[in-house]
Amino acid sequence: MDKKIMTIETNTQITFHDLRVGVGNFGIDPNATGRDTQSAVIWPFLRNEETGRPSVLVHEGDVIDLDVYQLKILNISQNTIKIQFILKVQDSE
């Protein structure tokens, strides 16, 4: 298992192994329970997929499973999001 914590700025993307994640649309989610809940939208894309996956609205504490990856949303501020990336299975290559 491989883990890494990364902070990503708005309108940028990062790569963790074969997973790319873009982030943007930071703000307050009016539909979330709890007052002034920060949210952001992530766009995941796995290498070897012809198209990216649908965007996901995330909040602090969310856990997202994508194939062999898990993303834990640690913190969201006005312009950045901190995510722990976990590769659940290592390739045997």
PDB file of N, CA and C in Angstrom:
ATOM      1  N   MET A   1       0.855  -1.178   0.000  1.00  0.00           N
ATOM      2  CA  MET A   1       0.000   0.000   0.000  1.00  0.00           C
ATOM      3  C   MET A   1       0.896   1.234   0.000  1.00  0.00           C
ATOM      4  N   ASP A   2       0.577   2.174  -0.845  1.00  0.00           N
ATOM      5  CA  ASP A   2       1.344   3.416  -0.959  1.00  0.00           C
ATOM      6  C   ASP A   2       0.411   4.569  -0.611  1.00  0.00           C
ATOM      7  N   LYS A   3       0.881   5.500   0.224  1.00  0.00           N
ATOM      8  CA  LYS A   3       0.071   6.654   0.636  1.00  0.00           C
ATOM      9  C   LYS A   3       0.847   7.937   0.410  1.00  0.00           C
ATOM     10  N   LYS A   4       0.106   8.988   0.083  1.00  0.00           N
ATOM     11  CA  LYS A   4       0.735  10.297  -0.057  1.00  0.00           C
ATOM     12  C   LYS A   4      -0.320  11.365   0.197  1.00  0.00           C
ATOM     13  N   ILE A   5       0.043  12.398   0.944  1.00  0.00           N
ATOM     14  CA  ILE A   5      -0.847  13.541   1.182  1.00  0.00           C
ATOM     15  C   ILE A   5      -0.381  14.678   0.288  1.00  0.00           C
ATOM     16  N   MET A   6      -1.325  15.247  -0.467  1.00  0.00           N
ATOM     17  CA  MET A   6      -1.002  16.347  -1.374  1.00  0.00           C
ATOM     18  C   MET A   6      -2.007  17.475  -1.187  1.00  0.00           C
ATOM     19  N   THR A   7      -1.510  18.695  -1.313  1.00  0.00           N
ATOM     20  CA  THR A   7      -2.360  19.883  -1.315  1.00  0.00           C
ATOM     21  C   THR A   7      -2.411  20.399  -2.746  1.00  0.00           C
ATOM     22  N   ILE A   8      -3.623  20.589  -3.248  1.00  0.00           N
ATOM     23  CA  ILE A   8      -3.818  20.959  -4.645  1.00  0.00           C
ATOM     24  C   ILE A   8      -4.533  22.301  -4.701  1.00  0.00           C
ATOM     25  N   GLU A   9      -4.019  23.211  -5.516  1.00  0.00           N
ATOM     26  CA  GLU A   9      -4.633  24.521  -5.687  1.00  0.00           C
ATOM     27  C   GLU A   9      -5.753  24.463  -6.719  1.00  0.00           C
ATOM     28  N   THR A  10      -6.661  25.416  -6.623  1.00  0.00           N
ATOM     29  CA  THR A  10      -7.798  25.473  -7.534  1.00  0.00           C
ATOM     30  C   THR A  10      -7.352  25.518  -8.986  1.00  0.00           C
ATOM     31  N   ASN A  11      -8.138  24.880  -9.833  1.00  0.00           N
ATOM     32  CA  ASN A  11      -7.922  24.850 -11.282  1.00  0.00           C
ATOM     33  C   ASN A  11      -6.580  24.248 -11.692  1.00  0.00           C
ATOM     34  N   THR A  12      -6.080  23.303 -10.896  1.00  0.00           N
ATOM     35  CA  THR A  12      -4.878  22.567 -11.261  1.00  0.00           C
ATOM     36  C   THR A  12      -5.163  21.075 -11.107  1.00  0.00           C
ATOM     37  N   GLN A  13      -4.190  20.259 -11.493  1.00  0.00           N
ATOM     38  CA  GLN A  13      -4.345  18.821 -11.315  1.00  0.00           C
ATOM     39  C   GLN A  13      -3.041  18.211 -10.838  1.00  0.00           C
ATOM     40  N   ILE A  14      -3.143  17.029 -10.239  1.00  0.00           N
ATOM     41  CA  ILE A  14      -1.966  16.304  -9.773  1.00  0.00           C
ATOM     42  C   ILE A  14      -2.033  14.878 -10.317  1.00  0.00           C
ATOM     43  N   THR A  15      -0.904  14.202 -10.228  1.00  0.00           N
ATOM     44  CA  THR A  15      -0.838  12.807 -10.634  1.00  0.00           C
ATOM     45  C   THR A  15      -0.299  11.976  -9.479  1.00  0.00           C
ATOM     46  N   PHE A  16      -0.959  10.872  -9.209  1.00  0.00           N
ATOM     47  CA  PHE A  16      -0.524   9.895  -8.206  1.00  0.00           C
ATOM     48  C   PHE A  16      -0.599   8.531  -8.890  1.00  0.00           C
ATOM     49  N   HIS A  17       0.554   7.978  -9.237  1.00  0.00           N
ATOM     50  CA  HIS A  17       0.627   6.743 -10.024  1.00  0.00           C
ATOM     51  C   HIS A  17      -0.157   6.939 -11.321  1.00  0.00           C
ATOM     52  N   ASP A  18      -1.169   6.117 -11.581  1.00  0.00           N
ATOM     53  CA  ASP A  18      -1.958   6.223 -12.818  1.00  0.00           C
ATOM     54  C   ASP A  18      -3.228   7.044 -12.642  1.00  0.00           C
ATOM     55  N   LEU A  19      -3.361   7.740 -11.551  1.00  0.00           N
ATOM     56  CA  LEU A  19      -4.550   8.541 -11.260  1.00  0.00           C
ATOM     57  C   LEU A  19      -4.209  10.021 -11.371  1.00  0.00           C
ATOM     58  N   ARG A  20      -4.977  10.737 -12.162  1.00  0.00           N
ATOM     59  CA  ARG A  20      -4.880  12.202 -12.211  1.00  0.00           C
ATOM     60  C   ARG A  20      -6.161  12.765 -11.627  1.00  0.00           C
ATOM     61  N   VAL A  21      -6.023  13.832 -10.859  1.00  0.00           N
ATOM     62  CA  VAL A  21      -7.184  14.476 -10.254  1.00  0.00           C
ATOM     63  C   VAL A  21      -7.073  15.976 -10.466  1.00  0.00           C
ATOM     64  N   GLY A  22      -8.091  16.550 -11.090  1.00  0.00           N
ATOM     65  CA  GLY A  22      -8.210  17.997 -11.212  1.00  0.00           C
ATOM     66  C   GLY A  22      -9.166  18.500 -10.153  1.00  0.00           C
ATOM     67  N   VAL A  23      -8.980  19.739  -9.707  1.00  0.00           N
ATOM     68  CA  VAL A  23      -9.854  20.307  -8.679  1.00  0.00           C
ATOM     69  C   VAL A  23     -10.284  21.721  -9.066  1.00  0.00           C
ATOM     70  N   GLY A  24     -11.430  22.118  -8.578  1.00  0.00           N
ATOM     71  CA  GLY A  24     -11.945  23.461  -8.828  1.00  0.00           C
ATOM     72  C   GLY A  24     -13.287  23.655  -8.153  1.00  0.00           C
ATOM     73  N   ASN A  25     -13.936  24.748  -8.500  1.00  0.00           N
ATOM     74  CA  ASN A  25     -15.271  25.088  -7.971  1.00  0.00           C
ATOM     75  C   ASN A  25     -15.326  25.040  -6.446  1.00  0.00           C
ATOM     76  N   PHE A  26     -14.378  25.696  -5.805  1.00  0.00           N
ATOM     77  CA  PHE A  26     -14.353  25.774  -4.349  1.00  0.00           C
ATOM     78  C   PHE A  26     -15.447  26.712  -3.874  1.00  0.00           C
ATOM     79  N   GLY A  27     -16.062  26.393  -2.747  1.00  0.00           N
ATOM     80  CA  GLY A  27     -17.071  27.286  -2.202  1.00  0.00           C
ATOM     81  C   GLY A  27     -17.814  26.660  -1.041  1.00  0.00           C
ATOM     82  N   ILE A  28     -18.893  27.312  -0.668  1.00  0.00           N
ATOM     83  CA  ILE A  28     -19.762  26.836   0.410  1.00  0.00           C
ATOM     84  C   ILE A  28     -20.891  26.037  -0.226  1.00  0.00           C
ATOM     85  N   ASP A  29     -21.117  24.826   0.268  1.00  0.00           N
ATOM     86  CA  ASP A  29     -22.186  23.975  -0.251  1.00  0.00           C
ATOM     87  C   ASP A  29     -23.473  24.293   0.500  1.00  0.00           C
ATOM     88  N   PRO A  30     -24.451  24.918  -0.163  1.00  0.00           N
ATOM     89  CA  PRO A  30     -25.688  25.297   0.523  1.00  0.00           C
ATOM     90  C   PRO A  30     -26.564  24.095   0.866  1.00  0.00           C
ATOM     91  N   ASN A  31     -26.307  22.947   0.273  1.00  0.00           N
ATOM     92  CA  ASN A  31     -27.121  21.758   0.521  1.00  0.00           C
ATOM     93  C   ASN A  31     -26.533  20.828   1.574  1.00  0.00           C
ATOM     94  N   ALA A  32     -25.353  21.138   2.075  1.00  0.00           N
ATOM     95  CA  ALA A  32     -24.693  20.273   3.059  1.00  0.00           C
ATOM     96  C   ALA A  32     -25.260  20.523   4.445  1.00  0.00           C
ATOM     97  N   THR A  33     -25.262  19.467   5.244  1.00  0.00           N
ATOM     98  CA  THR A  33     -25.662  19.642   6.636  1.00  0.00           C
ATOM     99  C   THR A  33     -24.495  20.272   7.370  1.00  0.00           C
ATOM    100  N   GLY A  34     -24.761  21.182   8.223  1.00  0.00           N
ATOM    101  CA  GLY A  34     -23.696  21.917   8.899  1.00  0.00           C
ATOM    102  C   GLY A  34     -23.530  23.273   8.248  1.00  0.00           C
ATOM    103  N   ARG A  35     -23.235  24.229   9.047  1.00  0.00           N
ATOM    104  CA  ARG A  35     -23.146  25.604   8.576  1.00  0.00           C
ATOM    105  C   ARG A  35     -21.801  25.877   7.927  1.00  0.00           C
ATOM    106  N   ASP A  36     -21.819  26.610   6.835  1.00  0.00           N
ATOM    107  CA  ASP A  36     -20.599  27.019   6.141  1.00  0.00           C
ATOM    108  C   ASP A  36     -19.697  25.829   5.790  1.00  0.00           C
ATOM    109  N   THR A  37     -20.264  24.817   5.192  1.00  0.00           N
ATOM    110  CA  THR A  37     -19.509  23.635   4.818  1.00  0.00           C
ATOM    111  C   THR A  37     -18.768  23.883   3.507  1.00  0.00           C
ATOM    112  N   GLN A  38     -17.433  23.890   3.585  1.00  0.00           N
ATOM    113  CA  GLN A  38     -16.606  24.075   2.390  1.00  0.00           C
ATOM    114  C   GLN A  38     -16.728  22.850   1.493  1.00  0.00           C
ATOM    115  N   SER A  39     -16.729  23.091   0.213  1.00  0.00           N
ATOM    116  CA  SER A  39     -16.784  21.998  -0.752  1.00  0.00           C
ATOM    117  C   SER A  39     -15.884  22.321  -1.933  1.00  0.00           C
ATOM    118  N   ALA A  40     -15.618  21.304  -2.726  1.00  0.00           N
ATOM    119  CA  ALA A  40     -14.851  21.453  -3.963  1.00  0.00           C
ATOM    120  C   ALA A  40     -15.304  20.347  -4.901  1.00  0.00           C
ATOM    121  N   VAL A  41     -14.980  20.518  -6.161  1.00  0.00           N
ATOM    122  CA  VAL A  41     -15.289  19.491  -7.147  1.00  0.00           C
ATOM    123  C   VAL A  41     -13.969  18.890  -7.619  1.00  0.00           C
ATOM    124  N   ILE A  42     -13.929  17.547  -7.664  1.00  0.00           N
ATOM    125  CA  ILE A  42     -12.751  16.866  -8.201  1.00  0.00           C
ATOM    126  C   ILE A  42     -13.137  16.145  -9.488  1.00  0.00           C
ATOM    127  N   TRP A  43     -12.169  16.076 -10.413  1.00  0.00           N
ATOM    128  CA  TRP A  43     -12.343  15.371 -11.677  1.00  0.00           C
ATOM    129  C   TRP A  43     -11.284  14.279 -11.749  1.00  0.00           C
ATOM    130  N   PRO A  44     -11.642  13.032 -11.440  1.00  0.00           N
ATOM    131  CA  PRO A  44     -10.658  11.953 -11.498  1.00  0.00           C
ATOM    132  C   PRO A  44     -10.512  11.389 -12.916  1.00  0.00           C
ATOM    133  N   PHE A  45      -9.318  10.954 -13.223  1.00  0.00           N
ATOM    134  CA  PHE A  45      -9.042  10.367 -14.529  1.00  0.00           C
ATOM    135  C   PHE A  45      -7.972   9.301 -14.348  1.00  0.00           C
ATOM    136  N   LEU A  46      -8.291   8.069 -14.735  1.00  0.00           N
ATOM    137  CA  LEU A  46      -7.330   6.978 -14.657  1.00  0.00           C
ATOM    138  C   LEU A  46      -6.670   6.767 -16.013  1.00  0.00           C
ATOM    139  N   ARG A  47      -5.360   6.591 -16.006  1.00  0.00           N
ATOM    140  CA  ARG A  47      -4.642   6.299 -17.245  1.00  0.00           C
ATOM    141  C   ARG A  47      -5.264   5.062 -17.875  1.00  0.00           C
ATOM    142  N   ASN A  48      -5.259   4.997 -19.162  1.00  0.00           N
ATOM    143  CA  ASN A  48      -5.824   3.895 -19.945  1.00  0.00           C
ATOM    144  C   ASN A  48      -7.345   3.952 -20.061  1.00  0.00           C
ATOM    145  N   GLU A  49      -7.985   4.942 -19.466  1.00  0.00           N
ATOM    146  CA  GLU A  49      -9.414   5.142 -19.692  1.00  0.00           C
ATOM    147  C   GLU A  49      -9.560   6.170 -20.804  1.00  0.00           C
ATOM    148  N   GLU A  50     -10.492   5.920 -21.693  1.00  0.00           N
ATOM    149  CA  GLU A  50     -10.666   6.844 -22.821  1.00  0.00           C
ATOM    150  C   GLU A  50     -11.240   8.177 -22.386  1.00  0.00           C
ATOM    151  N   THR A  51     -12.110   8.161 -21.398  1.00  0.00           N
ATOM    152  CA  THR A  51     -12.697   9.405 -20.902  1.00  0.00           C
ATOM    153  C   THR A  51     -12.541   9.450 -19.393  1.00  0.00           C
ATOM    154  N   GLY A  52     -12.549  10.643 -18.858  1.00  0.00           N
ATOM    155  CA  GLY A  52     -12.478  10.796 -17.413  1.00  0.00           C
ATOM    156  C   GLY A  52     -13.771  10.347 -16.762  1.00  0.00           C
ATOM    157  N   ARG A  53     -13.717  10.176 -15.477  1.00  0.00           N
ATOM    158  CA  ARG A  53     -14.906   9.804 -14.717  1.00  0.00           C
ATOM    159  C   ARG A  53     -15.708  11.063 -14.410  1.00  0.00           C
ATOM    160  N   PRO A  54     -16.965  10.908 -14.011  1.00  0.00           N
ATOM    161  CA  PRO A  54     -17.774  12.088 -13.679  1.00  0.00           C
ATOM    162  C   PRO A  54     -17.153  12.873 -12.520  1.00  0.00           C
ATOM    163  N   SER A  55     -17.397  14.161 -12.513  1.00  0.00           N
ATOM    164  CA  SER A  55     -16.915  14.993 -11.414  1.00  0.00           C
ATOM    165  C   SER A  55     -17.648  14.603 -10.126  1.00  0.00           C
ATOM    166  N   VAL A  56     -16.978  14.903  -8.990  1.00  0.00           N
ATOM    167  CA  VAL A  56     -17.533  14.547  -7.683  1.00  0.00           C
ATOM    168  C   VAL A  56     -17.445  15.770  -6.774  1.00  0.00           C
ATOM    169  N   LEU A  57     -18.570  16.149  -6.165  1.00  0.00           N
ATOM    170  CA  LEU A  57     -18.584  17.214  -5.159  1.00  0.00           C
ATOM    171  C   LEU A  57     -18.148  16.599  -3.842  1.00  0.00           C
ATOM    172  N   VAL A  58     -17.091  17.154  -3.226  1.00  0.00           N
ATOM    173  CA  VAL A  58     -16.545  16.566  -2.002  1.00  0.00           C
ATOM    174  C   VAL A  58     -16.532  17.583  -0.863  1.00  0.00           C
ATOM    175  N   HIS A  59     -16.508  17.031   0.350  1.00  0.00           N
ATOM    176  CA  HIS A  59     -16.439  17.798   1.598  1.00  0.00           C
ATOM    177  C   HIS A  59     -15.367  17.168   2.476  1.00  0.00           C
ATOM    178  N   GLU A  60     -14.907  17.900   3.476  1.00  0.00           N
ATOM    179  CA  GLU A  60     -13.933  17.345   4.414  1.00  0.00           C
ATOM    180  C   GLU A  60     -14.496  16.073   5.033  1.00  0.00           C
ATOM    181  N   GLY A  61     -13.650  15.067   5.132  1.00  0.00           N
ATOM    182  CA  GLY A  61     -14.056  13.796   5.728  1.00  0.00           C
ATOM    183  C   GLY A  61     -14.562  12.766   4.727  1.00  0.00           C
ATOM    184  N   ASP A  62     -14.851  13.189   3.501  1.00  0.00           N
ATOM    185  CA  ASP A  62     -15.325  12.236   2.489  1.00  0.00           C
ATOM    186  C   ASP A  62     -14.215  11.256   2.127  1.00  0.00           C
ATOM    187  N   VAL A  63     -14.615  10.033   1.781  1.00  0.00           N
ATOM    188  CA  VAL A  63     -13.707   9.008   1.294  1.00  0.00           C
ATOM    189  C   VAL A  63     -14.269   8.527  -0.036  1.00  0.00           C
ATOM    190  N   ILE A  64     -13.427   8.564  -1.075  1.00  0.00           N
ATOM    191  CA  ILE A  64     -13.855   8.186  -2.419  1.00  0.00           C
ATOM    192  C   ILE A  64     -12.987   7.023  -2.876  1.00  0.00           C
ATOM    193  N   ASP A  65     -13.639   5.943  -3.317  1.00  0.00           N
ATOM    194  CA  ASP A  65     -12.931   4.791  -3.867  1.00  0.00           C
ATOM    195  C   ASP A  65     -13.004   4.834  -5.382  1.00  0.00           C
ATOM    196  N   LEU A  66     -11.840   4.748  -6.028  1.00  0.00           N
ATOM    197  CA  LEU A  66     -11.735   4.743  -7.481  1.00  0.00           C
ATOM    198  C   LEU A  66     -10.821   3.598  -7.890  1.00  0.00           C
ATOM    199  N   ASP A  67     -11.413   2.503  -8.299  1.00  0.00           N
ATOM    200  CA  ASP A  67     -10.635   1.351  -8.730  1.00  0.00           C
ATOM    201  C   ASP A  67      -9.705   0.933  -7.588  1.00  0.00           C
ATOM    202  N   VAL A  68      -8.392   0.948  -7.771  1.00  0.00           N
ATOM    203  CA  VAL A  68      -7.448   0.537  -6.722  1.00  0.00           C
ATOM    204  C   VAL A  68      -6.991   1.713  -5.859  1.00  0.00           C
ATOM    205  N   TYR A  69      -7.622   2.863  -6.025  1.00  0.00           N
ATOM    206  CA  TYR A  69      -7.240   4.065  -5.279  1.00  0.00           C
ATOM    207  C   TYR A  69      -8.324   4.446  -4.282  1.00  0.00           C
ATOM    208  N   GLN A  70      -7.887   5.064  -3.197  1.00  0.00           N
ATOM    209  CA  GLN A  70      -8.820   5.656  -2.247  1.00  0.00           C
ATOM    210  C   GLN A  70      -8.347   7.079  -1.971  1.00  0.00           C
ATOM    211  N   LEU A  71      -9.281   8.021  -1.974  1.00  0.00           N
ATOM    212  CA  LEU A  71      -8.983   9.415  -1.690  1.00  0.00           C
ATOM    213  C   LEU A  71      -9.707   9.801  -0.411  1.00  0.00           C
ATOM    214  N   LYS A  72      -8.970  10.352   0.540  1.00  0.00           N
ATOM    215  CA  LYS A  72      -9.552  10.858   1.780  1.00  0.00           C
ATOM    216  C   LYS A  72      -9.415  12.373   1.759  1.00  0.00           C
ATOM    217  N   ILE A  73     -10.530  13.065   1.831  1.00  0.00           N
ATOM    218  CA  ILE A  73     -10.526  14.525   1.795  1.00  0.00           C
ATOM    219  C   ILE A  73     -10.233  15.019   3.213  1.00  0.00           C
ATOM    220  N   LEU A  74      -9.046  15.580   3.410  1.00  0.00           N
ATOM    221  CA  LEU A  74      -8.597  15.987   4.736  1.00  0.00           C
ATOM    222  C   LEU A  74      -8.976  17.421   5.081  1.00  0.00           C
ATOM    223  N   ASN A  75      -8.881  18.323   4.094  1.00  0.00           N
ATOM    224  CA  ASN A  75      -9.133  19.731   4.376  1.00  0.00           C
ATOM    225  C   ASN A  75      -9.486  20.452   3.085  1.00  0.00           C
ATOM    226  N   ILE A  76     -10.428  21.382   3.181  1.00  0.00           N
ATOM    227  CA  ILE A  76     -10.784  22.235   2.049  1.00  0.00           C
ATOM    228  C   ILE A  76     -10.799  23.674   2.542  1.00  0.00           C
ATOM    229  N   SER A  77     -10.065  24.533   1.835  1.00  0.00           N
ATOM    230  CA  SER A  77     -10.100  25.965   2.143  1.00  0.00           C
ATOM    231  C   SER A  77     -10.630  26.692   0.915  1.00  0.00           C
ATOM    232  N   GLN A  78     -10.480  28.002   0.864  1.00  0.00           N
ATOM    233  CA  GLN A  78     -11.022  28.772  -0.255  1.00  0.00           C
ATOM    234  C   GLN A  78     -10.374  28.419  -1.587  1.00  0.00           C
ATOM    235  N   ASN A  79      -9.081  28.109  -1.588  1.00  0.00           N
ATOM    236  CA  ASN A  79      -8.364  27.885  -2.848  1.00  0.00           C
ATOM    237  C   ASN A  79      -7.628  26.559  -2.930  1.00  0.00           C
ATOM    238  N   THR A  80      -7.627  25.764  -1.856  1.00  0.00           N
ATOM    239  CA  THR A  80      -6.865  24.520  -1.864  1.00  0.00           C
ATOM    240  C   THR A  80      -7.655  23.378  -1.229  1.00  0.00           C
ATOM    241  N   ILE A  81      -7.234  22.178  -1.600  1.00  0.00           N
ATOM    242  CA  ILE A  81      -7.796  20.975  -0.999  1.00  0.00           C
ATOM    243  C   ILE A  81      -6.631  20.061  -0.648  1.00  0.00           C
ATOM    244  N   LYS A  82      -6.695  19.451   0.526  1.00  0.00           N
ATOM    245  CA  LYS A  82      -5.666  18.502   0.951  1.00  0.00           C
ATOM    246  C   LYS A  82      -6.299  17.112   0.913  1.00  0.00           C
ATOM    247  N   ILE A  83      -5.657  16.233   0.139  1.00  0.00           N
ATOM    248  CA  ILE A  83      -6.180  14.885  -0.067  1.00  0.00           C
ATOM    249  C   ILE A  83      -5.103  13.865   0.270  1.00  0.00           C
ATOM    250  N   GLN A  84      -5.500  12.807   0.985  1.00  0.00           N
ATOM    251  CA  GLN A  84      -4.607  11.669   1.163  1.00  0.00           C
ATOM    252  C   GLN A  84      -4.947  10.654   0.075  1.00  0.00           C
ATOM    253  N   PHE A  85      -3.953  10.330  -0.737  1.00  0.00           N
ATOM    254  CA  PHE A  85      -4.104   9.356  -1.815  1.00  0.00           C
ATOM    255  C   PHE A  85      -3.554   8.026  -1.331  1.00  0.00           C
ATOM    256  N   ILE A  86      -4.306   6.972  -1.566  1.00  0.00           N
ATOM    257  CA  ILE A  86      -3.868   5.633  -1.150  1.00  0.00           C
ATOM    258  C   ILE A  86      -3.993   4.696  -2.355  1.00  0.00           C
ATOM    259  N   LEU A  87      -2.902   4.038  -2.688  1.00  0.00           N
ATOM    260  CA  LEU A  87      -2.927   2.967  -3.672  1.00  0.00           C
ATOM    261  C   LEU A  87      -3.108   1.695  -2.877  1.00  0.00           C
ATOM    262  N   LYS A  88      -4.288   1.072  -3.002  1.00  0.00           N
ATOM    263  CA  LYS A  88      -4.632  -0.065  -2.149  1.00  0.00           C
ATOM    264  C   LYS A  88      -3.891  -1.335  -2.528  1.00  0.00           C
ATOM    265  N   VAL A  89      -3.468  -1.475  -3.785  1.00  0.00           N
ATOM    266  CA  VAL A  89      -2.779  -2.664  -4.252  1.00  0.00           C
ATOM    267  C   VAL A  89      -1.575  -2.227  -5.074  1.00  0.00           C
ATOM    268  N   GLN A  90      -0.425  -2.788  -4.808  1.00  0.00           N
ATOM    269  CA  GLN A  90       0.765  -2.485  -5.595  1.00  0.00           C
ATOM    270  C   GLN A  90       0.821  -3.402  -6.812  1.00  0.00           C
ATOM    271  N   ASP A  91       1.245  -2.860  -7.941  1.00  0.00           N
ATOM    272  CA  ASP A  91       1.457  -3.667  -9.129  1.00  0.00           C
ATOM    273  C   ASP A  91       2.613  -4.626  -8.880  1.00  0.00           C
ATOM    274  N   SER A  92       2.532  -5.803  -9.444  1.00  0.00           N
ATOM    275  CA  SER A  92       3.600  -6.789  -9.249  1.00  0.00           C
ATOM    276  C   SER A  92       4.663  -6.716 -10.346  1.00  0.00           C
ATOM    277  N   GLU A  93       4.610  -5.674 -11.174  1.00  0.00           N
ATOM    278  CA  GLU A  93       5.586  -5.528 -12.260  1.00  0.00           C
ATOM    279  C   GLU A  93       6.937  -5.168 -11.745  1.00  0.00           C
TER     280      GLU A  93
END
